[in-house]
PDB file of N, CA and C in Angstrom:
ATOM      1  N   MET A   1      -1.299  -8.476   8.599  1.00  0.00           N
ATOM      2  CA  MET A   1      -1.464  -7.524   9.694  1.00  0.00           C
ATOM      3  C   MET A   1      -2.928  -7.107   9.771  1.00  0.00           C
ATOM      4  N   ALA A   2      -3.381  -6.884  10.966  1.00  0.00           N
ATOM      5  CA  ALA A   2      -4.748  -6.420  11.170  1.00  0.00           C
ATOM      6  C   ALA A   2      -4.958  -5.102  10.440  1.00  0.00           C
ATOM      7  N   GLY A   3      -6.069  -4.986   9.733  1.00  0.00           N
ATOM      8  CA  GLY A   3      -6.390  -3.762   9.026  1.00  0.00           C
ATOM      9  C   GLY A   3      -5.820  -3.656   7.623  1.00  0.00           C
ATOM     10  N   PHE A   4      -4.954  -4.599   7.214  1.00  0.00           N
ATOM     11  CA  PHE A   4      -4.377  -4.552   5.866  1.00  0.00           C
ATOM     12  C   PHE A   4      -5.447  -4.914   4.855  1.00  0.00           C
ATOM     13  N   GLU A   5      -5.598  -4.093   3.810  1.00  0.00           N
ATOM     14  CA  GLU A   5      -6.624  -4.333   2.799  1.00  0.00           C
ATOM     15  C   GLU A   5      -6.074  -4.651   1.419  1.00  0.00           C
ATOM     16  N   GLY A   6      -4.859  -4.202   1.099  1.00  0.00           N
ATOM     17  CA  GLY A   6      -4.332  -4.519  -0.219  1.00  0.00           C
ATOM     18  C   GLY A   6      -2.997  -3.869  -0.500  1.00  0.00           C
ATOM     19  N   PHE A   7      -2.324  -4.395  -1.530  1.00  0.00           N
ATOM     20  CA  PHE A   7      -1.002  -3.936  -1.949  1.00  0.00           C
ATOM     21  C   PHE A   7      -0.953  -3.917  -3.466  1.00  0.00           C
ATOM     22  N   GLU A   8      -0.363  -2.880  -4.030  1.00  0.00           N
ATOM     23  CA  GLU A   8      -0.122  -2.807  -5.467  1.00  0.00           C
ATOM     24  C   GLU A   8       1.241  -2.186  -5.708  1.00  0.00           C
ATOM     25  N   LEU A   9       1.988  -2.741  -6.656  1.00  0.00           N
ATOM     26  CA  LEU A   9       3.247  -2.173  -7.099  1.00  0.00           C
ATOM     27  C   LEU A   9       2.974  -1.529  -8.447  1.00  0.00           C
ATOM     28  N   LEU A  10       3.147  -0.212  -8.544  1.00  0.00           N
ATOM     29  CA  LEU A  10       2.795   0.534  -9.747  1.00  0.00           C
ATOM     30  C   LEU A  10       4.047   0.889 -10.540  1.00  0.00           C
ATOM     31  N   ARG A  11       4.124   0.378 -11.774  1.00  0.00           N
ATOM     32  CA  ARG A  11       5.234   0.690 -12.669  1.00  0.00           C
ATOM     33  C   ARG A  11       4.818   1.865 -13.542  1.00  0.00           C
ATOM     34  N   PRO A  12       5.658   2.865 -13.685  1.00  0.00           N
ATOM     35  CA  PRO A  12       5.276   4.043 -14.466  1.00  0.00           C
ATOM     36  C   PRO A  12       5.209   3.737 -15.962  1.00  0.00           C
ATOM     37  N   ALA A  13       4.246   4.343 -16.650  1.00  0.00           N
ATOM     38  CA  ALA A  13       4.188   4.245 -18.105  1.00  0.00           C
ATOM     39  C   ALA A  13       5.340   5.048 -18.702  1.00  0.00           C
ATOM     40  N   GLU A  14       5.709   6.120 -18.028  1.00  0.00           N
ATOM     41  CA  GLU A  14       6.853   6.946 -18.422  1.00  0.00           C
ATOM     42  C   GLU A  14       7.621   7.303 -17.156  1.00  0.00           C
ATOM     43  N   GLY A  15       8.910   7.511 -17.291  1.00  0.00           N
ATOM     44  CA  GLY A  15       9.723   7.857 -16.126  1.00  0.00           C
ATOM     45  C   GLY A  15      10.229   6.615 -15.425  1.00  0.00           C
ATOM     46  N   SER A  16      10.875   6.822 -14.282  1.00  0.00           N
ATOM     47  CA  SER A  16      11.502   5.696 -13.600  1.00  0.00           C
ATOM     48  C   SER A  16      11.077   5.541 -12.142  1.00  0.00           C
ATOM     49  N   THR A  17      10.118   6.320 -11.676  1.00  0.00           N
ATOM     50  CA  THR A  17       9.688   6.235 -10.284  1.00  0.00           C
ATOM     51  C   THR A  17       8.555   5.232 -10.153  1.00  0.00           C
ATOM     52  N   TRP A  18       8.820   4.147  -9.440  1.00  0.00           N
ATOM     53  CA  TRP A  18       7.801   3.150  -9.151  1.00  0.00           C
ATOM     54  C   TRP A  18       7.144   3.506  -7.816  1.00  0.00           C
ATOM     55  N   TYR A  19       5.892   3.101  -7.640  1.00  0.00           N
ATOM     56  CA  TYR A  19       5.172   3.375  -6.402  1.00  0.00           C
ATOM     57  C   TYR A  19       4.642   2.088  -5.786  1.00  0.00           C
ATOM     58  N   VAL A  20       4.711   2.004  -4.471  1.00  0.00           N
ATOM     59  CA  VAL A  20       4.073   0.939  -3.721  1.00  0.00           C
ATOM     60  C   VAL A  20       2.824   1.560  -3.107  1.00  0.00           C
ATOM     61  N   TYR A  21       1.686   0.928  -3.352  1.00  0.00           N
ATOM     62  CA  TYR A  21       0.401   1.439  -2.883  1.00  0.00           C
ATOM     63  C   TYR A  21      -0.217   0.401  -1.955  1.00  0.00           C
ATOM     64  N   THR A  22      -0.393   0.756  -0.699  1.00  0.00           N
ATOM     65  CA  THR A  22      -1.058  -0.139   0.241  1.00  0.00           C
ATOM     66  C   THR A  22      -2.323   0.524   0.760  1.00  0.00           C
ATOM     67  N   ARG A  23      -3.308  -0.304   1.062  1.00  0.00           N
ATOM     68  CA  ARG A  23      -4.570   0.188   1.626  1.00  0.00           C
ATOM     69  C   ARG A  23      -4.740  -0.410   3.017  1.00  0.00           C
ATOM     70  N   TRP A  24      -5.162   0.438   3.951  1.00  0.00           N
ATOM     71  CA  TRP A  24      -5.357   0.036   5.340  1.00  0.00           C
ATOM     72  C   TRP A  24      -6.731   0.473   5.814  1.00  0.00           C
ATOM     73  N   ALA A  25      -7.307  -0.275   6.725  1.00  0.00           N
ATOM     74  CA  ALA A  25      -8.631   0.056   7.264  1.00  0.00           C
ATOM     75  C   ALA A  25      -8.613   1.392   7.989  1.00  0.00           C
ATOM     76  N   GLY A  26      -7.492   1.721   8.593  1.00  0.00           N
ATOM     77  CA  GLY A  26      -7.396   2.985   9.317  1.00  0.00           C
ATOM     78  C   GLY A  26      -5.949   3.331   9.611  1.00  0.00           C
ATOM     79  N   GLU A  27      -5.731   4.568   9.994  1.00  0.00           N
ATOM     80  CA  GLU A  27      -4.378   5.032  10.286  1.00  0.00           C
ATOM     81  C   GLU A  27      -3.754   4.260  11.438  1.00  0.00           C
ATOM     82  N   GLU A  28      -4.551   3.905  12.443  1.00  0.00           N
ATOM     83  CA  GLU A  28      -4.004   3.173  13.573  1.00  0.00           C
ATOM     84  C   GLU A  28      -3.472   1.801  13.158  1.00  0.00           C
ATOM     85  N   ASP A  29      -4.124   1.153  12.185  1.00  0.00           N
ATOM     86  CA  ASP A  29      -3.640  -0.133  11.671  1.00  0.00           C
ATOM     87  C   ASP A  29      -2.320   0.059  10.917  1.00  0.00           C
ATOM     88  N   PHE A  30      -2.251   1.100  10.101  1.00  0.00           N
ATOM     89  CA  PHE A  30      -1.021   1.393   9.363  1.00  0.00           C
ATOM     90  C   PHE A  30       0.137   1.663  10.327  1.00  0.00           C
ATOM     91  N   LEU A  31      -0.106   2.492  11.334  1.00  0.00           N
ATOM     92  CA  LEU A  31       0.947   2.830  12.296  1.00  0.00           C
ATOM     93  C   LEU A  31       1.393   1.609  13.096  1.00  0.00           C
ATOM     94  N   ALA A  32       0.468   0.713  13.424  1.00  0.00           N
ATOM     95  CA  ALA A  32       0.834  -0.518  14.126  1.00  0.00           C
ATOM     96  C   ALA A  32       1.755  -1.364  13.260  1.00  0.00           C
ATOM     97  N   TRP A  33       1.497  -1.418  11.964  1.00  0.00           N
ATOM     98  CA  TRP A  33       2.352  -2.175  11.040  1.00  0.00           C
ATOM     99  C   TRP A  33       3.741  -1.541  10.960  1.00  0.00           C
ATOM    100  N   VAL A  34       3.798  -0.201  10.841  1.00  0.00           N
ATOM    101  CA  VAL A  34       5.087   0.493  10.747  1.00  0.00           C
ATOM    102  C   VAL A  34       5.939   0.243  11.989  1.00  0.00           C
ATOM    103  N   LYS A  35       5.296   0.080  13.141  1.00  0.00           N
ATOM    104  CA  LYS A  35       6.021  -0.142  14.393  1.00  0.00           C
ATOM    105  C   LYS A  35       6.291  -1.620  14.663  1.00  0.00           C
ATOM    106  N   SER A  36       5.864  -2.505  13.768  1.00  0.00           N
ATOM    107  CA  SER A  36       5.981  -3.949  14.007  1.00  0.00           C
ATOM    108  C   SER A  36       7.345  -4.516  13.629  1.00  0.00           C
ATOM    109  N   ALA A  37       7.641  -5.686  14.187  1.00  0.00           N
ATOM    110  CA  ALA A  37       8.871  -6.405  13.836  1.00  0.00           C
ATOM    111  C   ALA A  37       8.830  -6.845  12.375  1.00  0.00           C
ATOM    112  N   ALA A  38       7.647  -7.189  11.855  1.00  0.00           N
ATOM    113  CA  ALA A  38       7.512  -7.616  10.458  1.00  0.00           C
ATOM    114  C   ALA A  38       7.914  -6.485   9.506  1.00  0.00           C
ATOM    115  N   PHE A  39       7.526  -5.267   9.817  1.00  0.00           N
ATOM    116  CA  PHE A  39       7.907  -4.109   9.007  1.00  0.00           C
ATOM    117  C   PHE A  39       9.427  -3.940   9.028  1.00  0.00           C
ATOM    118  N   THR A  40      10.015  -4.001  10.208  1.00  0.00           N
ATOM    119  CA  THR A  40      11.464  -3.838  10.353  1.00  0.00           C
ATOM    120  C   THR A  40      12.213  -4.894   9.555  1.00  0.00           C
ATOM    121  N   ARG A  41      11.794  -6.163   9.670  1.00  0.00           N
ATOM    122  CA  ARG A  41      12.440  -7.248   8.924  1.00  0.00           C
ATOM    123  C   ARG A  41      12.287  -7.053   7.422  1.00  0.00           C
ATOM    124  N   GLY A  42      11.094  -6.762   6.967  1.00  0.00           N
ATOM    125  CA  GLY A  42      10.833  -6.611   5.537  1.00  0.00           C
ATOM    126  C   GLY A  42      11.608  -5.476   4.905  1.00  0.00           C
ATOM    127  N   HIS A  43      11.705  -4.370   5.610  1.00  0.00           N
ATOM    128  CA  HIS A  43      12.418  -3.232   5.049  1.00  0.00           C
ATOM    129  C   HIS A  43      13.931  -3.363   5.178  1.00  0.00           C
ATOM    130  N   ALA A  44      14.392  -4.115   6.150  1.00  0.00           N
ATOM    131  CA  ALA A  44      15.834  -4.371   6.260  1.00  0.00           C
ATOM    132  C   ALA A  44      16.291  -5.204   5.069  1.00  0.00           C
ATOM    133  N   GLU A  45      15.487  -6.204   4.678  1.00  0.00           N
ATOM    134  CA  GLU A  45      15.814  -7.040   3.517  1.00  0.00           C
ATOM    135  C   GLU A  45      15.745  -6.218   2.239  1.00  0.00           C
ATOM    136  N   ALA A  46      14.764  -5.372   2.098  1.00  0.00           N
ATOM    137  CA  ALA A  46      14.602  -4.556   0.891  1.00  0.00           C
ATOM    138  C   ALA A  46      15.752  -3.568   0.734  1.00  0.00           C
ATOM    139  N   ASN A  47      16.269  -3.062   1.831  1.00  0.00           N
ATOM    140  CA  ASN A  47      17.347  -2.073   1.755  1.00  0.00           C
ATOM    141  C   ASN A  47      18.658  -2.653   1.241  1.00  0.00           C
ATOM    142  N   ARG A  48      18.772  -3.978   1.198  1.00  0.00           N
ATOM    143  CA  ARG A  48      19.973  -4.602   0.644  1.00  0.00           C
ATOM    144  C   ARG A  48      19.913  -4.691  -0.867  1.00  0.00           C
ATOM    145  N   GLN A  49      18.757  -4.412  -1.450  1.00  0.00           N
ATOM    146  CA  GLN A  49      18.585  -4.488  -2.899  1.00  0.00           C
ATOM    147  C   GLN A  49      18.682  -3.085  -3.487  1.00  0.00           C
ATOM    148  N   PRO A  50      19.199  -2.960  -4.699  1.00  0.00           N
ATOM    149  CA  PRO A  50      19.415  -1.633  -5.281  1.00  0.00           C
ATOM    150  C   PRO A  50      18.148  -0.838  -5.568  1.00  0.00           C
ATOM    151  N   VAL A  51      16.982  -1.489  -5.703  1.00  0.00           N
ATOM    152  CA  VAL A  51      15.764  -0.746  -6.028  1.00  0.00           C
ATOM    153  C   VAL A  51      15.161  -0.049  -4.826  1.00  0.00           C
ATOM    154  N   ALA A  52      15.483  -0.476  -3.631  1.00  0.00           N
ATOM    155  CA  ALA A  52      14.907   0.130  -2.438  1.00  0.00           C
ATOM    156  C   ALA A  52      15.859   1.199  -1.914  1.00  0.00           C
ATOM    157  N   HIS A  53      15.605   2.438  -2.303  1.00  0.00           N
ATOM    158  CA  HIS A  53      16.537   3.497  -1.922  1.00  0.00           C
ATOM    159  C   HIS A  53      15.892   4.610  -1.130  1.00  0.00           C
ATOM    160  N   GLY A  54      14.652   4.460  -0.755  1.00  0.00           N
ATOM    161  CA  GLY A  54      14.001   5.483   0.043  1.00  0.00           C
ATOM    162  C   GLY A  54      12.498   5.325   0.001  1.00  0.00           C
ATOM    163  N   SER A  55      11.828   6.096   0.799  1.00  0.00           N
ATOM    164  CA  SER A  55      10.373   6.031   0.791  1.00  0.00           C
ATOM    165  C   SER A  55       9.796   7.360   1.222  1.00  0.00           C
ATOM    166  N   GLU A  56       8.572   7.547   0.836  1.00  0.00           N
ATOM    167  CA  GLU A  56       7.830   8.751   1.199  1.00  0.00           C
ATOM    168  C   GLU A  56       6.386   8.324   1.375  1.00  0.00           C
ATOM    169  N   VAL A  57       5.758   8.724   2.453  1.00  0.00           N
ATOM    170  CA  VAL A  57       4.358   8.390   2.675  1.00  0.00           C
ATOM    171  C   VAL A  57       3.510   9.504   2.084  1.00  0.00           C
ATOM    172  N   LEU A  58       2.647   9.126   1.147  1.00  0.00           N
ATOM    173  CA  LEU A  58       1.689  10.057   0.555  1.00  0.00           C
ATOM    174  C   LEU A  58       0.317   9.693   1.092  1.00  0.00           C
ATOM    175  N   SER A  59      -0.516  10.670   1.311  1.00  0.00           N
ATOM    176  CA  SER A  59      -1.834  10.412   1.848  1.00  0.00           C
ATOM    177  C   SER A  59      -2.865  11.156   1.024  1.00  0.00           C
ATOM    178  N   PHE A  60      -4.021  10.524   0.827  1.00  0.00           N
ATOM    179  CA  PHE A  60      -5.060  11.075  -0.038  1.00  0.00           C
ATOM    180  C   PHE A  60      -6.415  10.920   0.624  1.00  0.00           C
ATOM    181  N   ASP A  61      -7.360  11.770   0.240  1.00  0.00           N
ATOM    182  CA  ASP A  61      -8.759  11.603   0.612  1.00  0.00           C
ATOM    183  C   ASP A  61      -9.459  10.928  -0.564  1.00  0.00           C
ATOM    184  N   ILE A  62     -10.282   9.930  -0.293  1.00  0.00           N
ATOM    185  CA  ILE A  62     -11.035   9.265  -1.355  1.00  0.00           C
ATOM    186  C   ILE A  62     -12.259  10.114  -1.659  1.00  0.00           C
ATOM    187  N   VAL A  63     -12.372  10.564  -2.901  1.00  0.00           N
ATOM    188  CA  VAL A  63     -13.530  11.365  -3.288  1.00  0.00           C
ATOM    189  C   VAL A  63     -14.521  10.565  -4.125  1.00  0.00           C
ATOM    190  N   LEU A  64     -14.071   9.432  -4.671  1.00  0.00           N
ATOM    191  CA  LEU A  64     -14.953   8.551  -5.430  1.00  0.00           C
ATOM    192  C   LEU A  64     -14.347   7.165  -5.400  1.00  0.00           C
ATOM    193  N   SER A  65     -15.164   6.179  -5.141  1.00  0.00           N
ATOM    194  CA  SER A  65     -14.703   4.801  -5.109  1.00  0.00           C
ATOM    195  C   SER A  65     -15.758   3.927  -5.752  1.00  0.00           C
ATOM    196  N   ALA A  66     -15.342   2.973  -6.560  1.00  0.00           N
ATOM    197  CA  ALA A  66     -16.277   2.059  -7.221  1.00  0.00           C
ATOM    198  C   ALA A  66     -15.682   0.672  -7.235  1.00  0.00           C
ATOM    199  N   GLY A  67     -16.528  -0.296  -7.241  1.00  0.00           N
ATOM    200  CA  GLY A  67     -16.093  -1.693  -7.305  1.00  0.00           C
ATOM    201  C   GLY A  67     -17.113  -2.494  -8.071  1.00  0.00           C
ATOM    202  N   PRO A  68     -16.833  -3.770  -8.266  1.00  0.00           N
ATOM    203  CA  PRO A  68     -17.771  -4.602  -9.011  1.00  0.00           C
ATOM    204  C   PRO A  68     -19.084  -4.775  -8.252  1.00  0.00           C
ATOM    205  N   VAL A  69     -20.161  -4.909  -8.995  1.00  0.00           N
ATOM    206  CA  VAL A  69     -21.471  -5.149  -8.430  1.00  0.00           C
ATOM    207  C   VAL A  69     -21.770  -6.618  -8.618  1.00  0.00           C
ATOM    208  N   GLU A  70     -22.227  -7.286  -7.554  1.00  0.00           N
ATOM    209  CA  GLU A  70     -22.551  -8.694  -7.657  1.00  0.00           C
ATOM    210  C   GLU A  70     -23.833  -8.876  -8.450  1.00  0.00           C
ATOM    211  N   VAL A  71     -23.899  -9.942  -9.239  1.00  0.00           N
ATOM    212  CA  VAL A  71     -25.074 -10.232 -10.048  1.00  0.00           C
ATOM    213  C   VAL A  71     -26.295 -10.367  -9.148  1.00  0.00           C
ATOM    214  N   GLY A  72     -27.388  -9.703  -9.542  1.00  0.00           N
ATOM    215  CA  GLY A  72     -28.616  -9.756  -8.773  1.00  0.00           C
ATOM    216  C   GLY A  72     -28.717  -8.685  -7.706  1.00  0.00           C
ATOM    217  N   GLU A  73     -27.634  -7.950  -7.463  1.00  0.00           N
ATOM    218  CA  GLU A  73     -27.633  -6.938  -6.408  1.00  0.00           C
ATOM    219  C   GLU A  73     -28.484  -5.731  -6.772  1.00  0.00           C
ATOM    220  N   ASP A  74     -28.483  -5.322  -8.040  1.00  0.00           N
ATOM    221  CA  ASP A  74     -29.214  -4.125  -8.467  1.00  0.00           C
ATOM    222  C   ASP A  74     -30.269  -4.461  -9.523  1.00  0.00           C
ATOM    223  N   ASP A  75     -30.928  -5.589  -9.398  1.00  0.00           N
ATOM    224  CA  ASP A  75     -31.961  -5.972 -10.381  1.00  0.00           C
ATOM    225  C   ASP A  75     -33.200  -5.152 -10.219  1.00  0.00           C
TER     226      ASP A  75
END
């Protein structure tokens, strides 16, 4: 989908609540995905499995972000 940047499935070190973490370029891209046929199909299939029993959208502000530095970039 346009604007999709990444997906992570987070297993808890303790407890039983797993989290799905997706990154999107912007809210409009996320909302377009939620309204898409692909979203409907994917979640219909997931709802037939016992692990998919609900969802909650959490939203955060990024206050610090870091990534790898390419060699030679900061020489």
